[in-house]
Amino acid sequence: MSLGQRVSSDHQLARLLQIGVVLEEVVESRAAHHLESLPEHEREAIDEEVRELLAEATEESADHRERLEALIDELEAETVPYEEINALVDARYGPPEDTDGVLYDQLCNEETAYKFYDDLIAAIEAADVEFAVDRDRVLETLRDIREEEKEGAEEVTEIMEQRA
């Protein structure tokens, strides 16, 4: 996802932060449901390392969502409730076929989120505008989240390499 432009208003910033919330809700929902959606014999084959990875991804996405929602609240905008996104994710995405599918999906989620935050940070940095929310705090929050997404992608990659 490429933003390709500067963030020029509070309204635009709020919309982009809302996209981040939805992205986090999708990641959270998918990570939480991966184990449940696998056939029982595949579920039993998943080791503790993968279970912990998915649990951490669920918690991390929930934390990211809450941090983004706090910024959005300061901009006096609303977000889509998690329950609505969760229902859409359940309806849209089928269960992964196997453990490898779970890991590939999680890697894709982490990389997509990292790229989104990287682009959003660049678009905010390129803008020469005052926001209703403290610009430095927004950038610090986004940089922290981006770094956590990077670490998540690296962790998934390490697990995948160990299994190869």
N, C-alpha and C. Protein backbone atom coordinates (compact mmCIF):
# COMPACT_ATOMS: atom_id res chain seq x y z
N MET A 1 0.85 -1.17 0.00
CA MET A 1 0.00 0.00 0.00
C MET A 1 0.89 1.23 0.00
N SER A 2 0.68 2.10 -0.93
CA SER A 2 1.46 3.32 -0.99
C SER A 2 0.54 4.52 -0.84
N LEU A 3 0.86 5.39 0.06
CA LEU A 3 0.03 6.57 0.27
C LEU A 3 0.27 7.59 -0.82
N GLY A 4 1.50 7.72 -1.28
CA GLY A 4 1.83 8.55 -2.42
C GLY A 4 1.54 10.03 -2.29
N GLN A 5 1.22 10.50 -1.11
CA GLN A 5 0.96 11.93 -0.96
C GLN A 5 1.20 12.34 0.48
N ARG A 6 1.14 13.63 0.71
CA ARG A 6 1.28 14.14 2.07
C ARG A 6 -0.05 14.08 2.78
N VAL A 7 0.03 14.02 4.09
CA VAL A 7 -1.18 14.10 4.91
C VAL A 7 -1.41 15.58 5.17
N SER A 8 -2.51 16.11 4.68
CA SER A 8 -2.68 17.57 4.67
C SER A 8 -3.78 18.11 5.59
N SER A 9 -4.48 17.22 6.32
CA SER A 9 -5.54 17.72 7.19
C SER A 9 -5.82 16.74 8.32
N ASP A 10 -6.49 17.23 9.36
CA ASP A 10 -6.90 16.35 10.45
C ASP A 10 -7.82 15.26 9.94
N HIS A 11 -8.72 15.61 9.03
CA HIS A 11 -9.66 14.63 8.47
C HIS A 11 -8.90 13.51 7.76
N GLN A 12 -7.93 13.86 6.95
CA GLN A 12 -7.15 12.87 6.22
C GLN A 12 -6.34 12.01 7.20
N LEU A 13 -5.73 12.64 8.21
CA LEU A 13 -4.98 11.89 9.21
C LEU A 13 -5.90 10.91 9.93
N ALA A 14 -7.07 11.37 10.32
CA ALA A 14 -8.02 10.49 11.01
C ALA A 14 -8.39 9.30 10.14
N ARG A 15 -8.65 9.53 8.86
CA ARG A 15 -9.01 8.44 7.94
C ARG A 15 -7.88 7.43 7.81
N LEU A 16 -6.66 7.92 7.72
CA LEU A 16 -5.51 7.01 7.60
C LEU A 16 -5.29 6.23 8.89
N LEU A 17 -5.47 6.88 10.02
CA LEU A 17 -5.36 6.16 11.29
C LEU A 17 -6.48 5.13 11.41
N GLN A 18 -7.66 5.45 10.90
CA GLN A 18 -8.76 4.49 10.91
C GLN A 18 -8.43 3.26 10.04
N ILE A 19 -7.74 3.49 8.93
CA ILE A 19 -7.30 2.35 8.10
C ILE A 19 -6.35 1.48 8.92
N GLY A 20 -5.47 2.11 9.68
CA GLY A 20 -4.57 1.35 10.56
C GLY A 20 -5.34 0.53 11.58
N VAL A 21 -6.41 1.10 12.14
CA VAL A 21 -7.23 0.37 13.10
C VAL A 21 -7.85 -0.85 12.43
N VAL A 22 -8.41 -0.65 11.24
CA VAL A 22 -9.03 -1.78 10.53
C VAL A 22 -7.99 -2.84 10.22
N LEU A 23 -6.82 -2.43 9.78
CA LEU A 23 -5.73 -3.37 9.50
C LEU A 23 -5.40 -4.17 10.75
N GLU A 24 -5.27 -3.50 11.88
CA GLU A 24 -4.98 -4.20 13.14
C GLU A 24 -6.11 -5.13 13.54
N GLU A 25 -7.35 -4.71 13.30
CA GLU A 25 -8.49 -5.57 13.62
C GLU A 25 -8.49 -6.84 12.77
N VAL A 26 -8.12 -6.71 11.50
CA VAL A 26 -8.04 -7.88 10.63
C VAL A 26 -6.94 -8.82 11.12
N VAL A 27 -5.78 -8.28 11.42
CA VAL A 27 -4.67 -9.09 11.91
C VAL A 27 -5.06 -9.78 13.22
N GLU A 28 -5.66 -9.03 14.12
CA GLU A 28 -6.07 -9.57 15.41
C GLU A 28 -7.08 -10.70 15.23
N SER A 29 -8.06 -10.47 14.41
CA SER A 29 -9.09 -11.47 14.18
C SER A 29 -8.52 -12.74 13.55
N ARG A 30 -7.69 -12.55 12.53
CA ARG A 30 -7.12 -13.72 11.84
C ARG A 30 -6.21 -14.51 12.75
N ALA A 31 -5.35 -13.84 13.49
CA ALA A 31 -4.44 -14.55 14.39
C ALA A 31 -5.23 -15.31 15.46
N ALA A 32 -6.27 -14.70 15.96
CA ALA A 32 -7.08 -15.34 17.01
C ALA A 32 -7.82 -16.56 16.49
N HIS A 33 -8.18 -16.56 15.22
CA HIS A 33 -8.98 -17.65 14.68
C HIS A 33 -8.20 -18.73 13.94
N HIS A 34 -6.93 -18.50 13.70
CA HIS A 34 -6.15 -19.48 12.94
C HIS A 34 -6.20 -20.88 13.55
N LEU A 35 -5.89 -20.97 14.82
CA LEU A 35 -5.86 -22.29 15.45
C LEU A 35 -7.23 -22.94 15.44
N GLU A 36 -8.25 -22.16 15.74
CA GLU A 36 -9.60 -22.69 15.79
C GLU A 36 -10.07 -23.20 14.43
N SER A 37 -9.58 -22.58 13.37
CA SER A 37 -10.08 -22.90 12.04
C SER A 37 -9.38 -24.09 11.38
N LEU A 38 -8.24 -24.50 11.94
CA LEU A 38 -7.53 -25.64 11.36
C LEU A 38 -8.26 -26.94 11.69
N PRO A 39 -8.16 -27.93 10.78
CA PRO A 39 -8.70 -29.26 11.10
C PRO A 39 -8.01 -29.78 12.36
N GLU A 40 -8.69 -30.61 13.12
CA GLU A 40 -8.17 -31.05 14.42
C GLU A 40 -6.78 -31.67 14.33
N HIS A 41 -6.52 -32.52 13.32
CA HIS A 41 -5.20 -33.15 13.21
C HIS A 41 -4.10 -32.12 12.95
N GLU A 42 -4.43 -31.05 12.23
CA GLU A 42 -3.45 -29.97 12.00
C GLU A 42 -3.27 -29.13 13.26
N ARG A 43 -4.36 -28.91 13.98
CA ARG A 43 -4.30 -28.12 15.21
C ARG A 43 -3.36 -28.79 16.22
N GLU A 44 -3.45 -30.10 16.33
CA GLU A 44 -2.60 -30.84 17.26
C GLU A 44 -1.13 -30.79 16.85
N ALA A 45 -0.88 -30.63 15.55
CA ALA A 45 0.50 -30.62 15.04
C ALA A 45 1.21 -29.30 15.29
N ILE A 46 0.47 -28.27 15.60
CA ILE A 46 1.09 -26.95 15.82
C ILE A 46 1.78 -26.94 17.18
N ASP A 47 3.03 -26.57 17.16
CA ASP A 47 3.79 -26.58 18.39
C ASP A 47 3.57 -25.31 19.21
N GLU A 48 4.14 -25.33 20.39
CA GLU A 48 3.96 -24.23 21.33
C GLU A 48 4.51 -22.91 20.78
N GLU A 49 5.59 -22.97 20.02
CA GLU A 49 6.19 -21.76 19.46
C GLU A 49 5.20 -21.01 18.56
N VAL A 50 4.48 -21.74 17.72
CA VAL A 50 3.50 -21.12 16.83
C VAL A 50 2.30 -20.62 17.63
N ARG A 51 1.87 -21.40 18.61
CA ARG A 51 0.75 -20.96 19.46
C ARG A 51 1.08 -19.62 20.15
N GLU A 52 2.31 -19.55 20.68
CA GLU A 52 2.74 -18.32 21.35
C GLU A 52 2.82 -17.16 20.36
N LEU A 53 3.31 -17.43 19.16
CA LEU A 53 3.40 -16.41 18.12
C LEU A 53 2.02 -15.82 17.82
N LEU A 54 1.03 -16.69 17.65
CA LEU A 54 -0.32 -16.22 17.33
C LEU A 54 -0.95 -15.48 18.52
N ALA A 55 -0.71 -15.96 19.72
CA ALA A 55 -1.24 -15.28 20.90
C ALA A 55 -0.61 -13.89 21.04
N GLU A 56 0.71 -13.81 20.83
CA GLU A 56 1.38 -12.51 20.90
C GLU A 56 0.88 -11.57 19.81
N ALA A 57 0.66 -12.10 18.61
CA ALA A 57 0.18 -11.26 17.50
C ALA A 57 -1.20 -10.72 17.82
N THR A 58 -2.04 -11.53 18.43
CA THR A 58 -3.39 -11.09 18.81
C THR A 58 -3.31 -9.96 19.83
N GLU A 59 -2.50 -10.15 20.86
CA GLU A 59 -2.35 -9.13 21.90
C GLU A 59 -1.73 -7.85 21.35
N GLU A 60 -0.70 -8.01 20.51
CA GLU A 60 -0.02 -6.85 19.95
C GLU A 60 -0.96 -6.04 19.07
N SER A 61 -1.74 -6.71 18.24
CA SER A 61 -2.68 -5.99 17.37
C SER A 61 -3.74 -5.26 18.18
N ALA A 62 -4.21 -5.88 19.25
CA ALA A 62 -5.19 -5.22 20.11
C ALA A 62 -4.57 -3.96 20.73
N ASP A 63 -3.32 -4.06 21.17
CA ASP A 63 -2.62 -2.91 21.74
C ASP A 63 -2.45 -1.80 20.69
N HIS A 64 -2.03 -2.18 19.49
CA HIS A 64 -1.87 -1.19 18.41
C HIS A 64 -3.19 -0.50 18.12
N ARG A 65 -4.24 -1.29 18.05
CA ARG A 65 -5.58 -0.73 17.77
C ARG A 65 -5.96 0.30 18.83
N GLU A 66 -5.73 -0.04 20.09
CA GLU A 66 -6.08 0.88 21.17
C GLU A 66 -5.26 2.17 21.10
N ARG A 67 -3.99 2.06 20.76
CA ARG A 67 -3.14 3.25 20.66
C ARG A 67 -3.58 4.14 19.51
N LEU A 68 -3.93 3.52 18.38
CA LEU A 68 -4.43 4.30 17.24
C LEU A 68 -5.78 4.94 17.57
N GLU A 69 -6.65 4.19 18.23
CA GLU A 69 -7.97 4.73 18.60
C GLU A 69 -7.85 5.94 19.52
N ALA A 70 -6.84 5.93 20.40
CA ALA A 70 -6.63 7.08 21.29
C ALA A 70 -6.30 8.33 20.48
N LEU A 71 -5.48 8.17 19.44
CA LEU A 71 -5.16 9.31 18.57
C LEU A 71 -6.39 9.76 17.80
N ILE A 72 -7.16 8.82 17.32
CA ILE A 72 -8.37 9.14 16.56
C ILE A 72 -9.37 9.87 17.44
N ASP A 73 -9.50 9.44 18.70
CA ASP A 73 -10.40 10.13 19.63
C ASP A 73 -10.03 11.60 19.79
N GLU A 74 -8.73 11.88 19.81
CA GLU A 74 -8.29 13.27 19.94
C GLU A 74 -8.64 14.09 18.70
N LEU A 75 -8.77 13.40 17.57
CA LEU A 75 -9.17 14.07 16.33
C LEU A 75 -10.69 14.11 16.18
N GLU A 76 -11.38 13.60 17.21
CA GLU A 76 -12.85 13.58 17.27
C GLU A 76 -13.48 12.85 16.08
N ALA A 77 -12.90 11.69 15.76
CA ALA A 77 -13.43 10.83 14.72
C ALA A 77 -13.79 9.49 15.36
N GLU A 78 -14.48 8.64 14.62
CA GLU A 78 -14.89 7.34 15.15
C GLU A 78 -14.22 6.23 14.37
N THR A 79 -14.17 5.06 14.97
CA THR A 79 -13.61 3.89 14.31
C THR A 79 -14.69 2.82 14.15
N VAL A 80 -14.43 1.87 13.28
CA VAL A 80 -15.34 0.74 13.09
C VAL A 80 -15.12 -0.23 14.25
N PRO A 81 -16.18 -0.66 14.92
CA PRO A 81 -16.01 -1.58 16.05
C PRO A 81 -15.36 -2.90 15.64
N TYR A 82 -14.54 -3.45 16.52
CA TYR A 82 -13.83 -4.70 16.26
C TYR A 82 -14.81 -5.83 15.87
N GLU A 83 -15.94 -5.89 16.55
CA GLU A 83 -16.90 -6.96 16.29
C GLU A 83 -17.36 -6.96 14.83
N GLU A 84 -17.52 -5.78 14.24
CA GLU A 84 -17.93 -5.70 12.84
C GLU A 84 -16.83 -6.21 11.91
N ILE A 85 -15.60 -5.83 12.17
CA ILE A 85 -14.48 -6.28 11.35
C ILE A 85 -14.30 -7.79 11.52
N ASN A 86 -14.41 -8.27 12.75
CA ASN A 86 -14.26 -9.69 13.02
C ASN A 86 -15.28 -10.50 12.22
N ALA A 87 -16.52 -10.05 12.17
CA ALA A 87 -17.56 -10.74 11.40
C ALA A 87 -17.22 -10.74 9.91
N LEU A 88 -16.72 -9.62 9.41
CA LEU A 88 -16.34 -9.54 8.00
C LEU A 88 -15.17 -10.46 7.69
N VAL A 89 -14.19 -10.53 8.58
CA VAL A 89 -13.04 -11.41 8.38
C VAL A 89 -13.51 -12.87 8.35
N ASP A 90 -14.38 -13.22 9.29
CA ASP A 90 -14.89 -14.59 9.32
C ASP A 90 -15.61 -14.94 8.02
N ALA A 91 -16.35 -14.00 7.48
CA ALA A 91 -17.12 -14.25 6.26
C ALA A 91 -16.22 -14.25 5.02
N ARG A 92 -15.15 -13.50 5.02
CA ARG A 92 -14.33 -13.30 3.83
C ARG A 92 -13.22 -14.32 3.65
N TYR A 93 -12.57 -14.68 4.74
CA TYR A 93 -11.38 -15.52 4.63
C TYR A 93 -11.66 -16.92 5.12
N GLY A 94 -11.29 -17.89 4.31
CA GLY A 94 -11.41 -19.28 4.71
C GLY A 94 -10.25 -19.66 5.61
N PRO A 95 -10.38 -20.80 6.26
CA PRO A 95 -9.30 -21.23 7.14
C PRO A 95 -8.07 -21.63 6.34
N PRO A 96 -6.88 -21.45 6.91
CA PRO A 96 -5.67 -21.89 6.22
C PRO A 96 -5.69 -23.41 6.09
N GLU A 97 -5.00 -23.90 5.10
CA GLU A 97 -4.99 -25.33 4.83
C GLU A 97 -4.14 -26.12 5.82
N ASP A 98 -3.07 -25.50 6.32
CA ASP A 98 -2.14 -26.22 7.19
C ASP A 98 -1.31 -25.22 7.99
N THR A 99 -0.38 -25.76 8.79
CA THR A 99 0.47 -24.92 9.63
C THR A 99 1.28 -23.93 8.80
N ASP A 100 1.82 -24.39 7.66
CA ASP A 100 2.58 -23.47 6.81
C ASP A 100 1.71 -22.31 6.36
N GLY A 101 0.45 -22.59 6.05
CA GLY A 101 -0.48 -21.54 5.64
C GLY A 101 -0.70 -20.51 6.74
N VAL A 102 -0.75 -20.98 7.97
CA VAL A 102 -0.90 -20.09 9.12
C VAL A 102 0.31 -19.16 9.20
N LEU A 103 1.51 -19.72 9.06
CA LEU A 103 2.72 -18.91 9.15
C LEU A 103 2.84 -17.93 7.99
N TYR A 104 2.56 -18.38 6.78
CA TYR A 104 2.61 -17.48 5.63
C TYR A 104 1.60 -16.34 5.77
N ASP A 105 0.41 -16.68 6.24
CA ASP A 105 -0.60 -15.65 6.44
C ASP A 105 -0.15 -14.64 7.48
N GLN A 106 0.42 -15.13 8.57
CA GLN A 106 0.88 -14.23 9.62
C GLN A 106 2.02 -13.34 9.12
N LEU A 107 2.92 -13.91 8.33
CA LEU A 107 4.01 -13.12 7.76
C LEU A 107 3.47 -12.03 6.85
N CYS A 108 2.52 -12.39 6.02
CA CYS A 108 1.89 -11.40 5.13
C CYS A 108 1.24 -10.28 5.93
N ASN A 109 0.53 -10.63 6.99
CA ASN A 109 -0.12 -9.63 7.84
C ASN A 109 0.90 -8.68 8.46
N GLU A 110 1.98 -9.24 8.99
CA GLU A 110 3.02 -8.41 9.63
C GLU A 110 3.69 -7.49 8.60
N GLU A 111 4.01 -8.02 7.44
CA GLU A 111 4.67 -7.22 6.41
C GLU A 111 3.75 -6.13 5.87
N THR A 112 2.48 -6.45 5.69
CA THR A 112 1.51 -5.46 5.20
C THR A 112 1.39 -4.32 6.19
N ALA A 113 1.27 -4.66 7.46
CA ALA A 113 1.16 -3.62 8.49
C ALA A 113 2.43 -2.77 8.54
N TYR A 114 3.59 -3.41 8.49
CA TYR A 114 4.85 -2.66 8.50
C TYR A 114 4.89 -1.66 7.35
N LYS A 115 4.57 -2.11 6.16
CA LYS A 115 4.60 -1.24 4.97
C LYS A 115 3.61 -0.09 5.10
N PHE A 116 2.41 -0.38 5.59
CA PHE A 116 1.42 0.68 5.78
C PHE A 116 1.95 1.75 6.72
N TYR A 117 2.47 1.34 7.88
CA TYR A 117 2.96 2.33 8.84
C TYR A 117 4.18 3.07 8.30
N ASP A 118 5.04 2.40 7.58
CA ASP A 118 6.19 3.05 6.98
C ASP A 118 5.75 4.14 6.01
N ASP A 119 4.77 3.82 5.17
CA ASP A 119 4.25 4.81 4.22
C ASP A 119 3.53 5.96 4.93
N LEU A 120 2.76 5.63 5.97
CA LEU A 120 2.03 6.67 6.70
C LEU A 120 3.00 7.62 7.39
N ILE A 121 4.04 7.10 7.98
CA ILE A 121 5.05 7.95 8.63
C ILE A 121 5.68 8.89 7.60
N ALA A 122 6.04 8.35 6.45
CA ALA A 122 6.65 9.17 5.39
C ALA A 122 5.69 10.27 4.93
N ALA A 123 4.40 9.94 4.81
CA ALA A 123 3.42 10.92 4.36
C ALA A 123 3.22 12.03 5.40
N ILE A 124 3.26 11.68 6.66
CA ILE A 124 3.13 12.69 7.72
C ILE A 124 4.38 13.56 7.78
N GLU A 125 5.54 12.92 7.67
CA GLU A 125 6.80 13.68 7.70
C GLU A 125 6.91 14.64 6.52
N ALA A 126 6.33 14.27 5.38
CA ALA A 126 6.39 15.12 4.19
C ALA A 126 5.42 16.30 4.27
N ALA A 127 4.47 16.22 5.17
CA ALA A 127 3.45 17.26 5.30
C ALA A 127 3.97 18.43 6.13
N ASP A 128 3.58 19.61 5.72
CA ASP A 128 3.93 20.82 6.46
C ASP A 128 2.64 21.42 6.98
N VAL A 129 2.02 20.72 7.94
CA VAL A 129 0.72 21.13 8.44
C VAL A 129 0.63 20.84 9.94
N GLU A 130 -0.12 21.64 10.64
CA GLU A 130 -0.38 21.44 12.07
C GLU A 130 -1.62 20.56 12.20
N PHE A 131 -1.56 19.59 13.08
CA PHE A 131 -2.72 18.74 13.35
C PHE A 131 -3.29 19.08 14.72
N ALA A 132 -4.53 18.68 14.96
CA ALA A 132 -5.17 18.91 16.25
C ALA A 132 -4.53 18.04 17.34
N VAL A 133 -3.86 17.00 16.92
CA VAL A 133 -3.15 16.11 17.83
C VAL A 133 -1.64 16.37 17.65
N ASP A 134 -0.89 16.18 18.72
CA ASP A 134 0.55 16.46 18.67
C ASP A 134 1.24 15.59 17.63
N ARG A 135 1.82 16.24 16.65
CA ARG A 135 2.47 15.56 15.52
C ARG A 135 3.58 14.62 15.98
N ASP A 136 4.42 15.07 16.93
CA ASP A 136 5.51 14.23 17.42
C ASP A 136 4.99 12.98 18.11
N ARG A 137 3.91 13.11 18.84
CA ARG A 137 3.32 11.94 19.51
C ARG A 137 2.75 10.96 18.50
N VAL A 138 2.09 11.49 17.45
CA VAL A 138 1.58 10.62 16.39
C VAL A 138 2.73 9.86 15.74
N LEU A 139 3.78 10.57 15.38
CA LEU A 139 4.93 9.92 14.73
C LEU A 139 5.61 8.92 15.66
N GLU A 140 5.76 9.26 16.93
CA GLU A 140 6.37 8.34 17.88
C GLU A 140 5.53 7.07 18.02
N THR A 141 4.22 7.23 18.12
CA THR A 141 3.32 6.07 18.22
C THR A 141 3.44 5.20 16.98
N LEU A 142 3.40 5.83 15.81
CA LEU A 142 3.48 5.07 14.56
C LEU A 142 4.84 4.39 14.39
N ARG A 143 5.90 5.05 14.79
CA ARG A 143 7.23 4.44 14.69
C ARG A 143 7.36 3.23 15.62
N ASP A 144 6.80 3.36 16.82
CA ASP A 144 6.82 2.24 17.76
C ASP A 144 6.05 1.04 17.19
N ILE A 145 4.87 1.31 16.65
CA ILE A 145 4.05 0.25 16.07
C ILE A 145 4.78 -0.37 14.88
N ARG A 146 5.34 0.47 14.02
CA ARG A 146 6.08 -0.04 12.85
C ARG A 146 7.21 -0.97 13.29
N GLU A 147 7.95 -0.58 14.31
CA GLU A 147 9.06 -1.41 14.80
C GLU A 147 8.54 -2.75 15.33
N GLU A 148 7.42 -2.74 16.03
CA GLU A 148 6.85 -3.98 16.53
C GLU A 148 6.39 -4.88 15.38
N GLU A 149 5.87 -4.28 14.32
CA GLU A 149 5.47 -5.07 13.14
C GLU A 149 6.70 -5.69 12.48
N LYS A 150 7.78 -4.92 12.41
CA LYS A 150 9.04 -5.44 11.84
C LYS A 150 9.54 -6.62 12.66
N GLU A 151 9.53 -6.47 13.98
CA GLU A 151 9.98 -7.55 14.85
C GLU A 151 9.08 -8.78 14.68
N GLY A 152 7.78 -8.57 14.51
CA GLY A 152 6.86 -9.69 14.31
C GLY A 152 7.16 -10.43 13.02
N ALA A 153 7.44 -9.69 11.95
CA ALA A 153 7.78 -10.32 10.67
C ALA A 153 9.08 -11.11 10.80
N GLU A 154 10.04 -10.57 11.52
CA GLU A 154 11.31 -11.27 11.72
C GLU A 154 11.11 -12.55 12.53
N GLU A 155 10.24 -12.48 13.53
CA GLU A 155 9.98 -13.67 14.35
C GLU A 155 9.31 -14.77 13.53
N VAL A 156 8.34 -14.41 12.70
CA VAL A 156 7.69 -15.40 11.85
C VAL A 156 8.70 -15.99 10.87
N THR A 157 9.53 -15.14 10.28
CA THR A 157 10.53 -15.61 9.33
C THR A 157 11.49 -16.59 9.99
N GLU A 158 11.92 -16.31 11.21
CA GLU A 158 12.81 -17.22 11.94
C GLU A 158 12.17 -18.59 12.14
N ILE A 159 10.90 -18.59 12.53
CA ILE A 159 10.19 -19.86 12.73
C ILE A 159 10.09 -20.62 11.41
N MET A 160 9.78 -19.91 10.33
CA MET A 160 9.66 -20.56 9.04
C MET A 160 11.01 -21.13 8.59
N GLU A 161 12.09 -20.40 8.83
CA GLU A 161 13.42 -20.89 8.45
C GLU A 161 13.82 -22.11 9.26
N GLN A 162 13.45 -22.16 10.53
CA GLN A 162 13.76 -23.32 11.37
C GLN A 162 13.04 -24.57 10.87
N ARG A 163 11.88 -24.38 10.27
CA ARG A 163 11.08 -25.50 9.79
C ARG A 163 11.47 -25.95 8.39
N ALA A 164 12.25 -25.13 7.69
CA ALA A 164 12.59 -25.46 6.30
C ALA A 164 13.62 -26.56 6.19
